[in-house]
Amino acid sequence: MQNSINLIYNDTLSGFIKRCKSLIKRSGCLIITTLVFSAVTNAQELPLNLKVIDPYIELHSGPGAGYPTFYTIEQGEDVTVLTRRTGWYEVKAQNGKIGWAVASQVARTLLPTGEPVDLPSVSYGDYLKNSWRAGFKMGRFNDGGLEGSDVFSFSLGYRPLSWLGMEIEDGKIYKSEIKGNFQAINLLFEPFSQWKVSPVLTVGTGRIEIESQPELTPLEFDKESFTSFGLSANYYLGRNFVLKAGYQSYIVSTNTDNERLAQWNIGFNAFF
């Protein structure tokens, strides 16, 4: 895999696109098979054994908020989902007590594999909404004055809605004669967060600073502001980890003309 990444990074943009097309053709069946297998796995028939990861789950005597709470299942305990009503699930605690829990609390459970549960009324978006997240990504610029430069960045964000997130990003840029850094504020739009593989649109703004650059052919900018647009995909792994990969385009404002940059990147997010 490392050799493949190096080949992609060292080729031109046109060569990279050709390889992507070839890779998509070869791996299309594998991707479809993986998604179908995931859907089948997550659409398991009840009863279903799960593990509680929230501080507690309250058991009601009936499927409604008007029914009294008679027992609390603690974090880390196993539960078995028996039947479903609209917005409610009948569950059995590991000590044998049976009651009804609201679907939003059942959302905060894990399958035995460590993967978030995907019940009919509980999706990955439900599991991840209202969550803080920290992330890391790495990539390489493949267009513009920074072409061939490696980039690494860390981010911290918050998702107020299942389809909307915000993050601050701090990154470093490296090449043999180029070193720099950038900071950005990004908005992330994820309209299909309930999908295990979910597309994400990113819009951001920030500032880039080049600390050292080539003497013979210096860049046309050193400390400038920029706007960015990106398209990526999230793949929800077990527990609260997300693998992400995408393409980011930058427009850097200069005194003479705008400089356009672009990069491919891959990384991950951890939700908490």
Protein backbone atom coordinates (compact mmCIF):
# COMPACT_ATOMS: atom_id res chain seq x y z
CA MET A 1 0.00 0.00 0.00
CA GLN A 2 2.87 2.36 0.83
CA ASN A 3 4.33 1.87 -2.65
CA SER A 4 0.94 2.65 -4.21
CA ILE A 5 0.66 5.85 -2.17
CA ASN A 6 4.15 6.92 -3.21
CA LEU A 7 3.33 6.30 -6.88
CA ILE A 8 0.17 8.38 -6.61
CA TYR A 9 1.96 11.22 -4.85
CA ASN A 10 4.85 11.33 -7.34
CA ASP A 11 2.72 11.33 -10.49
CA THR A 12 1.08 14.30 -12.12
CA LEU A 13 -2.59 15.09 -11.60
CA SER A 14 -3.53 13.54 -14.93
CA GLY A 15 -1.67 10.37 -14.08
CA PHE A 16 -3.36 10.24 -10.70
CA ILE A 17 -6.80 10.58 -12.24
CA LYS A 18 -6.07 7.75 -14.68
CA ARG A 19 -5.03 5.50 -11.80
CA CYS A 20 -8.16 6.47 -9.85
CA LYS A 21 -10.37 5.49 -12.78
CA SER A 22 -8.59 2.16 -13.09
CA LEU A 23 -8.82 1.57 -9.33
CA ILE A 24 -12.54 2.35 -9.32
CA LYS A 25 -13.15 -0.15 -12.12
CA ARG A 26 -11.19 -2.88 -10.34
CA SER A 27 -12.58 -2.24 -6.87
CA GLY A 28 -16.18 -1.41 -7.75
CA CYS A 29 -17.43 -4.93 -7.08
CA LEU A 30 -15.53 -5.06 -3.79
CA ILE A 31 -17.06 -1.77 -2.61
CA ILE A 32 -20.57 -2.89 -3.53
CA THR A 33 -20.03 -6.25 -1.82
CA THR A 34 -18.78 -4.51 1.34
CA LEU A 35 -21.76 -2.17 1.48
CA VAL A 36 -24.26 -4.98 0.90
CA PHE A 37 -22.61 -7.11 3.58
CA SER A 38 -22.70 -4.18 6.02
CA ALA A 39 -26.37 -3.54 5.30
CA VAL A 40 -27.23 -7.19 5.82
CA THR A 41 -25.21 -7.35 9.02
CA ASN A 42 -26.75 -4.22 10.49
CA ALA A 43 -30.31 -5.18 9.57
CA GLN A 44 -30.29 -8.13 11.91
CA GLU A 45 -33.56 -9.59 13.14
CA LEU A 46 -34.55 -9.07 16.74
CA PRO A 47 -33.67 -10.14 19.38
CA LEU A 48 -30.29 -8.44 19.24
CA ASN A 49 -27.54 -8.37 21.89
CA LEU A 50 -25.92 -4.98 22.55
CA LYS A 51 -23.66 -3.20 25.06
CA VAL A 52 -24.54 0.13 26.73
CA ILE A 53 -21.98 2.95 26.30
CA ASP A 54 -24.00 5.86 27.73
CA PRO A 55 -23.94 6.37 31.52
CA TYR A 56 -27.29 4.57 31.76
CA ILE A 57 -30.49 3.47 30.02
CA GLU A 58 -33.80 3.97 31.79
CA LEU A 59 -36.37 1.17 31.62
CA HIS A 60 -40.03 2.18 31.58
CA SER A 61 -42.92 -0.13 32.31
CA GLY A 62 -44.42 0.67 28.91
CA PRO A 63 -43.55 2.22 25.50
CA GLY A 64 -44.14 5.85 26.39
CA ALA A 65 -42.80 8.72 28.51
CA GLY A 66 -45.93 8.51 30.67
CA TYR A 67 -45.01 5.07 31.96
CA PRO A 68 -42.91 5.12 35.16
CA THR A 69 -39.21 4.31 35.23
CA PHE A 70 -38.59 1.22 37.32
CA TYR A 71 -34.98 0.25 36.56
CA THR A 72 -31.71 1.72 35.25
CA ILE A 73 -29.22 -0.25 33.16
CA GLU A 74 -25.67 0.94 33.87
CA GLN A 75 -22.88 1.73 31.40
CA GLY A 76 -21.00 -1.36 30.19
CA GLU A 77 -23.88 -3.79 30.82
CA ASP A 78 -25.29 -6.03 28.10
CA VAL A 79 -28.89 -5.68 26.90
CA THR A 80 -31.03 -7.68 24.53
CA VAL A 81 -33.45 -5.86 22.22
CA LEU A 82 -36.68 -7.87 22.01
CA THR A 83 -39.34 -5.88 20.14
CA ARG A 84 -39.91 -2.46 18.63
CA ARG A 85 -42.57 0.22 18.86
CA THR A 86 -42.45 3.70 17.29
CA GLY A 87 -39.64 5.52 19.11
CA TRP A 88 -39.28 2.76 21.72
CA TYR A 89 -37.61 -0.64 22.12
CA GLU A 90 -38.42 -3.42 24.56
CA VAL A 91 -35.12 -4.56 26.07
CA LYS A 92 -33.96 -7.16 28.55
CA ALA A 93 -31.21 -6.35 31.05
CA GLN A 94 -28.50 -8.90 31.81
CA ASN A 95 -30.17 -9.58 35.19
CA GLY A 96 -33.40 -10.55 33.42
CA LYS A 97 -35.44 -7.38 33.98
CA ILE A 98 -37.55 -6.42 30.92
CA GLY A 99 -38.78 -2.93 30.11
CA TRP A 100 -39.07 -0.26 27.44
CA ALA A 101 -36.29 2.19 26.50
CA VAL A 102 -36.52 5.24 24.27
CA ALA A 103 -34.85 4.78 20.85
CA SER A 104 -32.42 7.67 21.35
CA GLN A 105 -30.89 5.81 24.30
CA VAL A 106 -30.77 2.51 22.45
CA ALA A 107 -28.83 4.44 19.79
CA ARG A 108 -25.96 4.70 22.25
CA THR A 109 -25.13 1.00 22.20
CA LEU A 110 -22.65 -1.21 20.42
CA LEU A 111 -22.82 -4.52 18.61
CA PRO A 112 -20.58 -7.34 19.93
CA THR A 113 -18.16 -6.41 17.12
CA GLY A 114 -17.72 -2.93 18.63
CA GLU A 115 -19.64 -1.30 15.78
CA PRO A 116 -22.47 1.21 16.43
CA VAL A 117 -25.88 -0.44 16.17
CA ASP A 118 -27.97 0.37 13.09
CA LEU A 119 -31.55 -0.45 14.07
CA PRO A 120 -34.48 0.69 11.87
CA SER A 121 -34.88 3.94 13.82
CA VAL A 122 -31.24 4.24 14.94
CA SER A 123 -28.58 5.25 12.41
CA TYR A 124 -24.95 6.33 12.39
CA GLY A 125 -26.12 9.93 12.24
CA ASP A 126 -28.11 9.44 15.46
CA TYR A 127 -25.09 7.88 17.11
CA LEU A 128 -22.76 10.72 16.15
CA LYS A 129 -24.91 13.86 16.40
CA ASN A 130 -24.14 16.48 19.04
CA SER A 131 -20.59 15.15 19.30
CA TRP A 132 -17.19 16.72 19.65
CA ARG A 133 -14.55 15.28 17.38
CA ALA A 134 -10.78 15.39 16.92
CA GLY A 135 -9.11 14.47 13.67
CA PHE A 136 -5.86 14.04 11.79
CA LYS A 137 -5.20 13.93 8.06
CA MET A 138 -2.25 13.80 5.70
CA GLY A 139 -1.96 14.44 1.99
CA ARG A 140 -0.03 16.05 -0.83
CA PHE A 141 -0.61 19.10 -3.00
CA ASN A 142 -0.95 18.06 -6.63
CA ASP A 143 -1.58 21.42 -8.25
CA GLY A 144 -0.39 25.03 -7.94
CA GLY A 145 2.77 26.52 -6.49
CA LEU A 146 2.89 23.98 -3.66
CA GLU A 147 2.66 20.96 -5.98
CA GLY A 148 4.53 18.01 -4.50
CA SER A 149 4.44 19.39 -0.95
CA ASP A 150 3.29 17.11 1.86
CA VAL A 151 0.68 18.40 4.28
CA PHE A 152 -0.31 17.24 7.77
CA SER A 153 -3.06 18.75 9.88
CA PHE A 154 -4.99 18.32 13.12
CA SER A 155 -8.56 19.45 13.69
CA LEU A 156 -11.04 19.89 16.51
CA GLY A 157 -14.74 20.21 15.74
CA TYR A 158 -18.29 20.00 16.94
CA ARG A 159 -21.42 18.67 15.23
CA PRO A 160 -24.55 20.58 16.41
CA LEU A 161 -26.74 18.74 13.88
CA SER A 162 -26.50 15.33 12.26
CA TRP A 163 -25.83 16.99 8.87
CA LEU A 164 -23.77 20.03 9.95
CA GLY A 165 -20.37 20.29 11.60
CA MET A 166 -17.77 22.97 12.36
CA GLU A 167 -14.05 22.59 12.93
CA ILE A 168 -10.81 24.49 13.39
CA GLU A 169 -7.76 23.11 11.62
CA ASP A 170 -4.02 23.63 12.09
CA GLY A 171 -1.62 22.23 9.51
CA LYS A 172 2.01 22.03 8.40
CA ILE A 173 3.44 22.04 4.85
CA TYR A 174 6.73 20.35 3.96
CA LYS A 175 8.91 19.98 0.86
CA SER A 176 12.67 19.95 0.28
CA GLU A 177 12.84 23.76 0.01
CA ILE A 178 9.39 24.71 1.27
CA LYS A 179 8.10 24.88 4.81
CA GLY A 180 4.92 26.54 5.97
CA ASN A 181 1.78 26.34 8.04
CA PHE A 182 -1.88 27.19 7.79
CA GLN A 183 -4.93 27.63 10.01
CA ALA A 184 -8.54 27.31 8.88
CA ILE A 185 -12.14 27.35 10.04
CA ASN A 186 -14.33 24.89 8.14
CA LEU A 187 -18.03 24.12 7.80
CA LEU A 188 -18.87 20.51 6.99
CA PHE A 189 -22.15 19.53 5.34
CA GLU A 190 -23.05 15.84 5.56
CA PRO A 191 -26.66 15.43 4.34
CA PHE A 192 -26.54 11.61 4.38
CA SER A 193 -24.88 11.05 7.76
CA GLN A 194 -27.13 8.02 8.30
CA TRP A 195 -25.15 6.18 5.61
CA LYS A 196 -22.14 4.14 6.65
CA VAL A 197 -20.24 5.64 3.69
CA SER A 198 -21.29 9.28 3.69
CA PRO A 199 -20.29 12.15 1.33
CA VAL A 200 -19.15 15.42 2.96
CA LEU A 201 -18.92 18.92 1.46
CA THR A 202 -16.41 21.26 3.15
CA VAL A 203 -16.26 25.06 2.87
CA GLY A 204 -13.57 26.94 4.74
CA THR A 205 -11.46 30.06 5.13
CA GLY A 206 -8.10 30.68 6.72
CA ARG A 207 -4.55 31.94 6.41
CA ILE A 208 -1.40 30.35 5.00
CA GLU A 209 2.18 31.34 5.82
CA ILE A 210 5.25 30.10 3.92
CA GLU A 211 8.29 30.23 6.21
CA SER A 212 10.90 29.12 3.64
CA GLN A 213 10.74 28.65 -0.14
CA PRO A 214 12.99 28.12 -3.21
CA GLU A 215 15.49 30.92 -3.90
CA LEU A 216 15.58 30.47 -7.67
CA THR A 217 11.83 30.22 -8.28
CA PRO A 218 10.11 31.72 -5.22
CA LEU A 219 6.39 31.39 -4.75
CA GLU A 220 4.07 34.27 -5.55
CA PHE A 221 2.81 34.37 -1.95
CA ASP A 222 4.14 34.05 1.58
CA LYS A 223 1.47 35.26 4.06
CA GLU A 224 -1.98 35.26 2.53
CA SER A 225 -5.60 34.44 3.29
CA PHE A 226 -7.48 31.71 1.41
CA THR A 227 -10.84 30.09 0.87
CA SER A 228 -11.25 26.38 0.35
CA PHE A 229 -13.78 23.91 -0.99
CA GLY A 230 -13.61 20.17 -0.61
CA LEU A 231 -15.45 16.94 -1.27
CA SER A 232 -14.71 13.85 0.80
CA ALA A 233 -16.27 10.64 2.08
CA ASN A 234 -16.59 9.34 5.63
CA TYR A 235 -16.51 5.63 6.36
CA TYR A 236 -17.84 4.83 9.82
CA LEU A 237 -15.66 2.24 11.54
CA GLY A 238 -16.37 0.45 14.81
CA ARG A 239 -17.06 2.43 17.96
CA ASN A 240 -16.53 6.18 17.42
CA PHE A 241 -13.91 6.27 14.66
CA VAL A 242 -14.38 7.55 11.12
CA LEU A 243 -12.00 7.05 8.20
CA LYS A 244 -12.11 9.93 5.71
CA ALA A 245 -10.58 10.63 2.31
CA GLY A 246 -11.12 13.51 -0.09
CA TYR A 247 -10.04 16.32 -2.38
CA GLN A 248 -9.53 19.94 -1.28
CA SER A 249 -9.20 23.02 -3.51
CA TYR A 250 -7.76 26.35 -2.29
CA ILE A 251 -7.92 29.87 -3.67
CA VAL A 252 -5.11 31.98 -2.17
CA SER A 253 -5.51 35.76 -2.45
CA THR A 254 -2.33 37.54 -3.65
CA ASN A 255 -1.45 41.10 -4.64
CA THR A 256 -1.35 40.27 -8.35
CA ASP A 257 -3.62 37.32 -8.96
CA ASN A 258 -5.27 34.46 -7.10
CA GLU A 259 -3.16 31.33 -6.65
CA ARG A 260 -5.01 28.03 -6.95
CA LEU A 261 -3.89 25.00 -4.99
CA ALA A 262 -5.30 21.49 -4.66
CA GLN A 263 -4.58 18.42 -2.57
CA TRP A 264 -5.70 14.84 -2.01
CA ASN A 265 -5.80 13.70 1.60
CA ILE A 266 -6.71 10.83 3.91
CA GLY A 267 -7.21 10.73 7.68
CA PHE A 268 -9.56 9.87 10.51
CA ASN A 269 -11.85 11.44 13.11
CA ALA A 270 -12.53 10.27 16.66
CA PHE A 271 -15.86 11.30 18.23
CA PHE A 272 -16.31 11.93 21.94
